[in-house]
Structures are given as structure tokens and as C-alpha cells.
Amino acid sequence: DPKEEKPLLFSEIAEAWQRDAWEKIRDGTKSCYESSLNRAIDRLGSRPAAEIEAHEISTHLQLLKAQGLSASTVKKQKVVYKQIFQYALMDKEYSRTVKHNPVLYVSLPDNMPRAYQREAPEEEIVKAIKSKATTAYFGMFAFFLICTGFRRGEALAVQWKDIDFKKKTISCGESISFRSGTAKVAPPKTANGYRTVPLLDELAEVLDKPKGALDTDYVFYGEDPSKPMPQSTYDRRWKHYCIDMGFVRELLR
């Protein structure tokens, strides 16, 4: 019957969830969810949403485990599936078709491989980073990371007002994330993200505030110190640094 109503596909709900619900999700989380969303659409996008059962999602999670994906990645996949169906149940139109969330009946696969744990840099690498902090291109940024323990986004968000040279402290209260190449400043996800670390003497000796710099200027910036460093600038500078230090091969240019 040509007048028969077309079934509501999973891809329609997934894409609607991305358009609507993502406005409330942090940029960093969006980038983590993006791969999971794409995998979900590739797997079940053409299926009528109301017909998807728990065993189909469970089978997908098992497949991801078999492919060697980490436990955190598989767990994230389940979370994305759950949120998509939950979004459908809360939507006035979609809830006419989707009557339950099949993910509620799905368990994560057993004995999943853990995420790869990165080891600390070798002592020789740390020595090289410290010795070339002021001479290597973008060397101060790597040295800053070593001395503070800040993540990339936290270090890029540091302004001169966050550094107290008298008390010898550095405060962390914001972080920069990149979304489609645009830098966005946001507060930490949790209260633990707000912290103050010691300004080590070896960092204080080489970290000079430029003459005329404002307290609200960024320590690490692109062309304009009053604005966060763009992603393209950061990527170019970090790549340049790693090549000059011999951490990556020249052919990666």
C-alpha cells in the first residue's frame, strides 16, 4: 500500500539525538561519542527502531570486544545506544513508535581488554625536554606540561592571572577543547578539576611574563594573546617541536 506509513528508522532517531541532545554535552564528550554514534548508525541505522532488540545490541558489543576495542570504548558504545533510545522515549513523536529501551537488558561483555596504559617518558626524554625548554621551538609548552602535570587543554587555558610568582603557585580552573578547529574554553567537568599546583623553581626561572602583557592574556597563544590558541596553530607548533626534538620522523611532516 503506497499510503502505508514508513517505519521509523534507528538512524533518524540517532541523528535527531545528535542535533538536539548534543547541545547539553561538553565538547570533549562529544568528540568521544562521535565514533560510537557512527558505529551505531552503521550497524543498525537501516533497522526500524521499534524492532531493535537487546540481543542485537549485545551482539554488536561482543563484536567490538572481538575486534580488540578497550573496555571503556565498548562501555561508551552501550551508553550511546542507551541515550539514543532514551531520547526517543522522551520525544513526543518518536515515543509513539519506540515503547521501550532495549539497552536496559544488555550487559557488557566479560573479560574485556583494558585500555592501554601509557608509561611515563624515559628519563633521557625528560632531560631533553628540560634542557631545551628555552631553545627548542615550542619547547616551553612541553616543559610547562612536565613541571605542572596539566593536561594539554588545561595548559592552553592558563592566563597570567593564574600564575602567582610570589606564592609560587599555578591555578587550574579552565580547559580548552577543540571542536571543528575552534578553541572553546570551559570549566572542569568535576570539582577535582579545580586545583593549584606548585610553581617549580626551574619553571619560574624561565617563565617570564612579557612586558605589557595583561593578566587576562594567555601564556600560550597564537597571534592574539587575548584569545585561546587555535587548533591549527597548536597542531603545527607541536608537530614542529616533536620533529625538531627527534620524537617523530621527518617523513611525518
C-alpha atoms as a PDB file:
ATOM      1  CA  ASP A   1       0.000   0.000   0.000  1.00  0.00           C
ATOM      2  CA  PRO A   2       1.718   3.236  -1.103  1.00  0.00           C
ATOM      3  CA  LYS A   3      -0.114   5.104   1.643  1.00  0.00           C
ATOM      4  CA  GLU A   4       1.332   2.852   4.328  1.00  0.00           C
ATOM      5  CA  GLU A   5       3.404   4.833   6.792  1.00  0.00           C
ATOM      6  CA  LYS A   6       7.153   4.255   6.561  1.00  0.00           C
ATOM      7  CA  PRO A   7       8.798   2.739   9.638  1.00  0.00           C
ATOM      8  CA  LEU A   8      10.849   4.984  11.895  1.00  0.00           C
ATOM      9  CA  LEU A   9      14.482   4.048  11.321  1.00  0.00           C
ATOM     10  CA  PHE A  10      17.109   3.967  14.037  1.00  0.00           C
ATOM     11  CA  SER A  11      19.283   6.352  12.027  1.00  0.00           C
ATOM     12  CA  GLU A  12      16.553   9.008  12.133  1.00  0.00           C
ATOM     13  CA  ILE A  13      16.446   8.930  15.917  1.00  0.00           C
ATOM     14  CA  ALA A  14      20.237   8.797  16.241  1.00  0.00           C
ATOM     15  CA  GLU A  15      20.685  11.829  14.007  1.00  0.00           C
ATOM     16  CA  ALA A  16      17.933  13.724  15.829  1.00  0.00           C
ATOM     17  CA  TRP A  17      19.615  12.925  19.149  1.00  0.00           C
ATOM     18  CA  GLN A  18      22.865  14.306  17.792  1.00  0.00           C
ATOM     19  CA  ARG A  19      21.160  17.527  16.687  1.00  0.00           C
ATOM     20  CA  ASP A  20      19.190  18.107  19.865  1.00  0.00           C
ATOM     21  CA  ALA A  21      20.757  16.387  22.839  1.00  0.00           C
ATOM     22  CA  TRP A  22      24.346  17.249  21.968  1.00  0.00           C
ATOM     23  CA  GLU A  23      23.725  20.875  22.851  1.00  0.00           C
ATOM     24  CA  LYS A  24      23.863  19.827  26.508  1.00  0.00           C
ATOM     25  CA  ILE A  25      27.018  17.695  26.128  1.00  0.00           C
ATOM     26  CA  ARG A  26      30.534  19.063  26.619  1.00  0.00           C
ATOM     27  CA  ASP A  27      32.732  19.351  23.555  1.00  0.00           C
ATOM     28  CA  GLY A  28      35.229  16.822  24.873  1.00  0.00           C
ATOM     29  CA  THR A  29      32.461  14.290  25.449  1.00  0.00           C
ATOM     30  CA  LYS A  30      31.006  14.921  22.008  1.00  0.00           C
ATOM     31  CA  SER A  31      34.293  14.001  20.392  1.00  0.00           C
ATOM     32  CA  CYS A  32      34.360  10.764  22.430  1.00  0.00           C
ATOM     33  CA  TYR A  33      30.760   9.940  21.484  1.00  0.00           C
ATOM     34  CA  GLU A  34      31.174  10.648  17.782  1.00  0.00           C
ATOM     35  CA  SER A  35      32.858   7.339  16.914  1.00  0.00           C
ATOM     36  CA  SER A  36      30.291   5.403  18.943  1.00  0.00           C
ATOM     37  CA  LEU A  37      27.448   7.214  17.203  1.00  0.00           C
ATOM     38  CA  ASN A  38      28.859   6.454  13.764  1.00  0.00           C
ATOM     39  CA  ARG A  39      29.319   2.783  14.648  1.00  0.00           C
ATOM     40  CA  ALA A  40      25.745   2.574  15.927  1.00  0.00           C
ATOM     41  CA  ILE A  41      24.336   4.087  12.732  1.00  0.00           C
ATOM     42  CA  ASP A  42      26.482   1.848  10.537  1.00  0.00           C
ATOM     43  CA  ARG A  43      25.303  -1.197  12.449  1.00  0.00           C
ATOM     44  CA  LEU A  44      21.601  -0.538  12.996  1.00  0.00           C
ATOM     45  CA  GLY A  45      20.820   2.636  11.080  1.00  0.00           C
ATOM     46  CA  SER A  46      18.623   0.954   8.466  1.00  0.00           C
ATOM     47  CA  ARG A  47      16.625  -1.052  11.025  1.00  0.00           C
ATOM     48  CA  PRO A  48      13.190   0.086  12.210  1.00  0.00           C
ATOM     49  CA  ALA A  49      13.824   1.458  15.695  1.00  0.00           C
ATOM     50  CA  ALA A  50      10.831  -0.277  17.260  1.00  0.00           C
ATOM     51  CA  GLU A  51      12.064  -3.682  16.088  1.00  0.00           C
ATOM     52  CA  ILE A  52      15.568  -3.497  17.540  1.00  0.00           C
ATOM     53  CA  GLU A  53      16.013  -5.976  20.368  1.00  0.00           C
ATOM     54  CA  ALA A  54      18.505  -6.299  23.173  1.00  0.00           C
ATOM     55  CA  HIS A  55      20.337  -9.231  21.589  1.00  0.00           C
ATOM     56  CA  GLU A  56      21.222  -7.110  18.530  1.00  0.00           C
ATOM     57  CA  ILE A  57      22.955  -4.524  20.675  1.00  0.00           C
ATOM     58  CA  SER A  58      24.592  -7.217  22.779  1.00  0.00           C
ATOM     59  CA  THR A  59      25.917  -8.854  19.599  1.00  0.00           C
ATOM     60  CA  HIS A  60      27.400  -5.535  18.491  1.00  0.00           C
ATOM     61  CA  LEU A  61      29.179  -5.079  21.815  1.00  0.00           C
ATOM     62  CA  GLN A  62      30.551  -8.599  21.594  1.00  0.00           C
ATOM     63  CA  LEU A  63      31.813  -7.858  18.101  1.00  0.00           C
ATOM     64  CA  LEU A  64      33.620  -4.749  19.304  1.00  0.00           C
ATOM     65  CA  LYS A  65      35.255  -6.802  22.037  1.00  0.00           C
ATOM     66  CA  ALA A  66      36.367  -9.378  19.470  1.00  0.00           C
ATOM     67  CA  GLN A  67      37.910  -6.566  17.425  1.00  0.00           C
ATOM     68  CA  GLY A  68      40.109  -5.729  20.391  1.00  0.00           C
ATOM     69  CA  LEU A  69      38.489  -2.477  21.457  1.00  0.00           C
ATOM     70  CA  SER A  70      39.038  -1.487  25.075  1.00  0.00           C
ATOM     71  CA  ALA A  71      36.515  -1.913  27.860  1.00  0.00           C
ATOM     72  CA  SER A  72      35.982   1.849  28.052  1.00  0.00           C
ATOM     73  CA  THR A  73      35.219   2.037  24.320  1.00  0.00           C
ATOM     74  CA  VAL A  74      32.701  -0.800  24.469  1.00  0.00           C
ATOM     75  CA  LYS A  75      31.092   0.735  27.543  1.00  0.00           C
ATOM     76  CA  LYS A  76      30.840   4.077  25.749  1.00  0.00           C
ATOM     77  CA  GLN A  77      29.137   2.328  22.844  1.00  0.00           C
ATOM     78  CA  LYS A  78      26.486   0.968  25.185  1.00  0.00           C
ATOM     79  CA  VAL A  79      25.996   4.410  26.743  1.00  0.00           C
ATOM     80  CA  VAL A  80      25.387   5.980  23.331  1.00  0.00           C
ATOM     81  CA  TYR A  81      22.843   3.314  22.407  1.00  0.00           C
ATOM     82  CA  LYS A  82      21.082   3.839  25.726  1.00  0.00           C
ATOM     83  CA  GLN A  83      20.915   7.600  25.347  1.00  0.00           C
ATOM     84  CA  ILE A  84      19.556   7.387  21.809  1.00  0.00           C
ATOM     85  CA  PHE A  85      16.677   5.142  22.849  1.00  0.00           C
ATOM     86  CA  GLN A  86      16.067   7.198  25.975  1.00  0.00           C
ATOM     87  CA  TYR A  87      15.853  10.287  23.790  1.00  0.00           C
ATOM     88  CA  ALA A  88      13.227   8.545  21.633  1.00  0.00           C
ATOM     89  CA  LEU A  89      11.148   7.606  24.678  1.00  0.00           C
ATOM     90  CA  MET A  90      11.152  11.211  25.885  1.00  0.00           C
ATOM     91  CA  ASP A  91      10.225  12.648  22.499  1.00  0.00           C
ATOM     92  CA  LYS A  92       6.517  13.208  21.816  1.00  0.00           C
ATOM     93  CA  GLU A  93       6.699  11.980  18.217  1.00  0.00           C
ATOM     94  CA  TYR A  94       9.228   9.155  18.493  1.00  0.00           C
ATOM     95  CA  SER A  95       7.633   7.705  21.635  1.00  0.00           C
ATOM     96  CA  ARG A  96       4.576   6.768  19.579  1.00  0.00           C
ATOM     97  CA  THR A  97       6.750   4.151  17.904  1.00  0.00           C
ATOM     98  CA  VAL A  98       9.509   3.334  20.390  1.00  0.00           C
ATOM     99  CA  LYS A  99       7.963   1.853  23.526  1.00  0.00           C
ATOM    100  CA  HIS A 100      10.979   0.548  25.445  1.00  0.00           C
ATOM    101  CA  ASN A 101      14.741   0.884  25.767  1.00  0.00           C
ATOM    102  CA  PRO A 102      16.325  -2.458  24.799  1.00  0.00           C
ATOM    103  CA  VAL A 103      19.704  -1.393  26.164  1.00  0.00           C
ATOM    104  CA  LEU A 104      18.386  -1.743  29.718  1.00  0.00           C
ATOM    105  CA  TYR A 105      18.550  -5.502  29.262  1.00  0.00           C
ATOM    106  CA  VAL A 106      22.091  -5.567  27.845  1.00  0.00           C
ATOM    107  CA  SER A 107      25.168  -6.472  29.878  1.00  0.00           C
ATOM    108  CA  LEU A 108      28.710  -5.591  28.936  1.00  0.00           C
ATOM    109  CA  PRO A 109      30.858  -8.476  27.612  1.00  0.00           C
ATOM    110  CA  ASP A 110      33.021 -10.276  30.160  1.00  0.00           C
ATOM    111  CA  ASN A 111      36.830 -10.144  30.278  1.00  0.00           C
ATOM    112  CA  MET A 112      37.236  -7.159  28.012  1.00  0.00           C
ATOM    113  CA  PRO A 113      40.796  -5.863  27.427  1.00  0.00           C
ATOM    114  CA  ARG A 114      41.722  -2.815  29.439  1.00  0.00           C
ATOM    115  CA  ALA A 115      42.736   0.416  27.829  1.00  0.00           C
ATOM    116  CA  TYR A 116      46.431   0.732  27.072  1.00  0.00           C
ATOM    117  CA  GLN A 117      48.221   2.437  29.936  1.00  0.00           C
ATOM    118  CA  ARG A 118      50.799   4.917  28.734  1.00  0.00           C
ATOM    119  CA  GLU A 119      54.061   4.863  30.642  1.00  0.00           C
ATOM    120  CA  ALA A 120      55.923   7.926  31.813  1.00  0.00           C
ATOM    121  CA  PRO A 121      58.564   9.268  29.403  1.00  0.00           C
ATOM    122  CA  GLU A 122      62.019   7.779  29.727  1.00  0.00           C
ATOM    123  CA  GLU A 123      64.497   9.715  31.816  1.00  0.00           C
ATOM    124  CA  GLU A 124      66.524  10.711  28.767  1.00  0.00           C
ATOM    125  CA  ILE A 125      63.434  12.211  27.117  1.00  0.00           C
ATOM    126  CA  VAL A 126      62.584  14.200  30.246  1.00  0.00           C
ATOM    127  CA  LYS A 127      66.166  15.513  30.369  1.00  0.00           C
ATOM    128  CA  ALA A 128      65.940  16.560  26.718  1.00  0.00           C
ATOM    129  CA  ILE A 129      62.634  18.376  27.303  1.00  0.00           C
ATOM    130  CA  LYS A 130      64.089  20.263  30.258  1.00  0.00           C
ATOM    131  CA  SER A 131      67.426  21.108  28.653  1.00  0.00           C
ATOM    132  CA  LYS A 132      65.794  22.534  25.514  1.00  0.00           C
ATOM    133  CA  ALA A 133      62.867  24.296  27.171  1.00  0.00           C
ATOM    134  CA  THR A 134      64.022  27.737  26.035  1.00  0.00           C
ATOM    135  CA  THR A 135      65.807  26.819  22.815  1.00  0.00           C
ATOM    136  CA  ALA A 136      63.533  24.305  21.059  1.00  0.00           C
ATOM    137  CA  TYR A 137      60.600  25.565  19.008  1.00  0.00           C
ATOM    138  CA  PHE A 138      57.531  25.462  21.337  1.00  0.00           C
ATOM    139  CA  GLY A 139      59.798  23.906  23.948  1.00  0.00           C
ATOM    140  CA  MET A 140      58.343  25.980  26.771  1.00  0.00           C
ATOM    141  CA  PHE A 141      54.951  24.344  26.353  1.00  0.00           C
ATOM    142  CA  ALA A 142      56.353  20.821  26.757  1.00  0.00           C
ATOM    143  CA  PHE A 143      58.403  21.984  29.728  1.00  0.00           C
ATOM    144  CA  PHE A 144      55.294  23.560  31.256  1.00  0.00           C
ATOM    145  CA  LEU A 145      53.434  20.239  30.980  1.00  0.00           C
ATOM    146  CA  ILE A 146      56.293  18.362  32.642  1.00  0.00           C
ATOM    147  CA  CYS A 147      56.505  20.836  35.525  1.00  0.00           C
ATOM    148  CA  THR A 148      52.774  21.156  36.238  1.00  0.00           C
ATOM    149  CA  GLY A 149      51.212  17.846  35.260  1.00  0.00           C
ATOM    150  CA  PHE A 150      48.463  19.786  33.461  1.00  0.00           C
ATOM    151  CA  ARG A 151      46.643  18.266  30.511  1.00  0.00           C
ATOM    152  CA  ARG A 152      47.033  19.938  27.132  1.00  0.00           C
ATOM    153  CA  GLY A 153      43.722  21.798  27.353  1.00  0.00           C
ATOM    154  CA  GLU A 154      44.415  22.951  30.907  1.00  0.00           C
ATOM    155  CA  ALA A 155      47.844  24.318  29.985  1.00  0.00           C
ATOM    156  CA  LEU A 156      46.473  26.154  26.947  1.00  0.00           C
ATOM    157  CA  ALA A 157      43.850  27.811  29.164  1.00  0.00           C
ATOM    158  CA  VAL A 158      46.356  29.240  31.666  1.00  0.00           C
ATOM    159  CA  GLN A 159      46.411  33.034  31.788  1.00  0.00           C
ATOM    160  CA  TRP A 160      48.976  35.168  33.566  1.00  0.00           C
ATOM    161  CA  LYS A 161      46.488  35.879  36.353  1.00  0.00           C
ATOM    162  CA  ASP A 162      46.584  32.173  37.188  1.00  0.00           C
ATOM    163  CA  ILE A 163      50.299  32.297  37.997  1.00  0.00           C
ATOM    164  CA  ASP A 164      51.363  33.741  41.347  1.00  0.00           C
ATOM    165  CA  PHE A 165      55.116  34.283  41.212  1.00  0.00           C
ATOM    166  CA  LYS A 166      55.226  35.454  44.849  1.00  0.00           C
ATOM    167  CA  LYS A 167      53.405  32.468  46.305  1.00  0.00           C
ATOM    168  CA  LYS A 168      54.898  30.223  43.618  1.00  0.00           C
ATOM    169  CA  THR A 169      51.617  28.619  42.586  1.00  0.00           C
ATOM    170  CA  ILE A 170      49.719  27.967  39.355  1.00  0.00           C
ATOM    171  CA  SER A 171      45.925  27.656  39.421  1.00  0.00           C
ATOM    172  CA  CYS A 172      43.883  25.478  37.092  1.00  0.00           C
ATOM    173  CA  GLY A 173      40.269  26.495  36.657  1.00  0.00           C
ATOM    174  CA  GLU A 174      39.534  26.159  32.951  1.00  0.00           C
ATOM    175  CA  SER A 175      40.327  23.958  29.999  1.00  0.00           C
ATOM    176  CA  ILE A 176      40.373  24.472  26.250  1.00  0.00           C
ATOM    177  CA  SER A 177      38.876  21.936  23.875  1.00  0.00           C
ATOM    178  CA  PHE A 178      38.882  21.980  20.095  1.00  0.00           C
ATOM    179  CA  ARG A 179      35.689  21.445  18.145  1.00  0.00           C
ATOM    180  CA  SER A 180      35.864  21.712  14.362  1.00  0.00           C
ATOM    181  CA  GLY A 181      39.125  23.594  14.771  1.00  0.00           C
ATOM    182  CA  THR A 182      37.638  26.233  17.073  1.00  0.00           C
ATOM    183  CA  ALA A 183      39.016  26.654  20.594  1.00  0.00           C
ATOM    184  CA  LYS A 184      36.402  26.688  23.334  1.00  0.00           C
ATOM    185  CA  VAL A 185      37.070  27.496  26.990  1.00  0.00           C
ATOM    186  CA  ALA A 186      35.074  25.602  29.604  1.00  0.00           C
ATOM    187  CA  PRO A 187      35.284  24.851  33.338  1.00  0.00           C
ATOM    188  CA  PRO A 188      36.430  21.406  34.535  1.00  0.00           C
ATOM    189  CA  LYS A 189      33.970  18.516  34.472  1.00  0.00           C
ATOM    190  CA  THR A 190      34.265  17.925  38.230  1.00  0.00           C
ATOM    191  CA  ALA A 191      35.329  19.796  41.344  1.00  0.00           C
ATOM    192  CA  ASN A 192      38.618  17.884  41.297  1.00  0.00           C
ATOM    193  CA  GLY A 193      39.489  19.722  38.085  1.00  0.00           C
ATOM    194  CA  TYR A 194      39.932  22.930  40.090  1.00  0.00           C
ATOM    195  CA  ARG A 195      43.369  22.768  41.664  1.00  0.00           C
ATOM    196  CA  THR A 196      46.514  24.705  42.463  1.00  0.00           C
ATOM    197  CA  VAL A 197      49.962  23.247  41.855  1.00  0.00           C
ATOM    198  CA  PRO A 198      53.413  24.486  42.894  1.00  0.00           C
ATOM    199  CA  LEU A 199      55.312  26.766  40.536  1.00  0.00           C
ATOM    200  CA  LEU A 200      58.610  24.893  40.491  1.00  0.00           C
ATOM    201  CA  ASP A 201      61.749  26.979  40.692  1.00  0.00           C
ATOM    202  CA  GLU A 202      63.106  25.579  37.429  1.00  0.00           C
ATOM    203  CA  LEU A 203      59.922  26.691  35.643  1.00  0.00           C
ATOM    204  CA  ALA A 204      59.750  30.061  37.401  1.00  0.00           C
ATOM    205  CA  GLU A 205      63.302  30.843  36.262  1.00  0.00           C
ATOM    206  CA  VAL A 206      62.380  30.658  32.561  1.00  0.00           C
ATOM    207  CA  LEU A 207      58.686  31.604  32.606  1.00  0.00           C
ATOM    208  CA  ASP A 208      58.755  35.364  32.118  1.00  0.00           C
ATOM    209  CA  LYS A 209      55.669  37.491  31.712  1.00  0.00           C
ATOM    210  CA  PRO A 210      56.164  39.660  28.602  1.00  0.00           C
ATOM    211  CA  LYS A 211      56.381  43.394  29.135  1.00  0.00           C
ATOM    212  CA  GLY A 212      52.948  44.940  28.678  1.00  0.00           C
ATOM    213  CA  ALA A 213      51.110  41.615  28.915  1.00  0.00           C
ATOM    214  CA  LEU A 214      47.722  41.755  30.615  1.00  0.00           C
ATOM    215  CA  ASP A 215      46.709  39.425  33.412  1.00  0.00           C
ATOM    216  CA  THR A 216      43.964  38.085  31.148  1.00  0.00           C
ATOM    217  CA  ASP A 217      46.404  37.273  28.333  1.00  0.00           C
ATOM    218  CA  TYR A 218      47.114  33.617  27.683  1.00  0.00           C
ATOM    219  CA  VAL A 219      50.555  32.241  28.422  1.00  0.00           C
ATOM    220  CA  PHE A 220      50.417  30.152  25.252  1.00  0.00           C
ATOM    221  CA  TYR A 221      48.615  31.803  22.348  1.00  0.00           C
ATOM    222  CA  GLY A 222      48.550  32.201  18.578  1.00  0.00           C
ATOM    223  CA  GLU A 223      48.685  35.688  17.074  1.00  0.00           C
ATOM    224  CA  ASP A 224      46.474  37.360  19.687  1.00  0.00           C
ATOM    225  CA  PRO A 225      47.444  36.839  23.370  1.00  0.00           C
ATOM    226  CA  SER A 226      43.915  37.749  24.466  1.00  0.00           C
ATOM    227  CA  LYS A 227      42.444  34.752  22.635  1.00  0.00           C
ATOM    228  CA  PRO A 228      42.971  30.979  23.017  1.00  0.00           C
ATOM    229  CA  MET A 229      45.405  29.348  20.625  1.00  0.00           C
ATOM    230  CA  PRO A 230      43.607  27.932  17.539  1.00  0.00           C
ATOM    231  CA  GLN A 231      43.873  24.208  16.908  1.00  0.00           C
ATOM    232  CA  SER A 232      45.683  24.655  13.604  1.00  0.00           C
ATOM    233  CA  THR A 233      48.360  26.726  15.337  1.00  0.00           C
ATOM    234  CA  TYR A 234      48.736  24.237  18.156  1.00  0.00           C
ATOM    235  CA  ASP A 235      48.950  21.237  15.815  1.00  0.00           C
ATOM    236  CA  ARG A 236      51.564  22.949  13.665  1.00  0.00           C
ATOM    237  CA  ARG A 237      53.703  24.023  16.601  1.00  0.00           C
ATOM    238  CA  TRP A 238      53.518  20.690  18.417  1.00  0.00           C
ATOM    239  CA  LYS A 239      54.378  18.766  15.265  1.00  0.00           C
ATOM    240  CA  HIS A 240      57.304  21.116  14.636  1.00  0.00           C
ATOM    241  CA  TYR A 241      58.518  20.579  18.203  1.00  0.00           C
ATOM    242  CA  CYS A 242      58.303  16.782  18.054  1.00  0.00           C
ATOM    243  CA  ILE A 243      60.206  16.671  14.757  1.00  0.00           C
ATOM    244  CA  ASP A 244      62.929  19.052  15.968  1.00  0.00           C
ATOM    245  CA  MET A 245      63.357  17.018  19.160  1.00  0.00           C
ATOM    246  CA  GLY A 246      63.597  13.779  17.223  1.00  0.00           C
ATOM    247  CA  PHE A 247      60.476  12.302  18.820  1.00  0.00           C
ATOM    248  CA  VAL A 248      58.909  11.627  15.409  1.00  0.00           C
ATOM    249  CA  ARG A 249      60.406  11.136  11.966  1.00  0.00           C
ATOM    250  CA  GLU A 250      60.791  13.871   9.392  1.00  0.00           C
ATOM    251  CA  LEU A 251      58.539  11.994   6.937  1.00  0.00           C
ATOM    252  CA  LEU A 252      55.553  12.791   9.156  1.00  0.00           C
ATOM    253  CA  ARG A 253      55.637  16.430   8.069  1.00  0.00           C
END
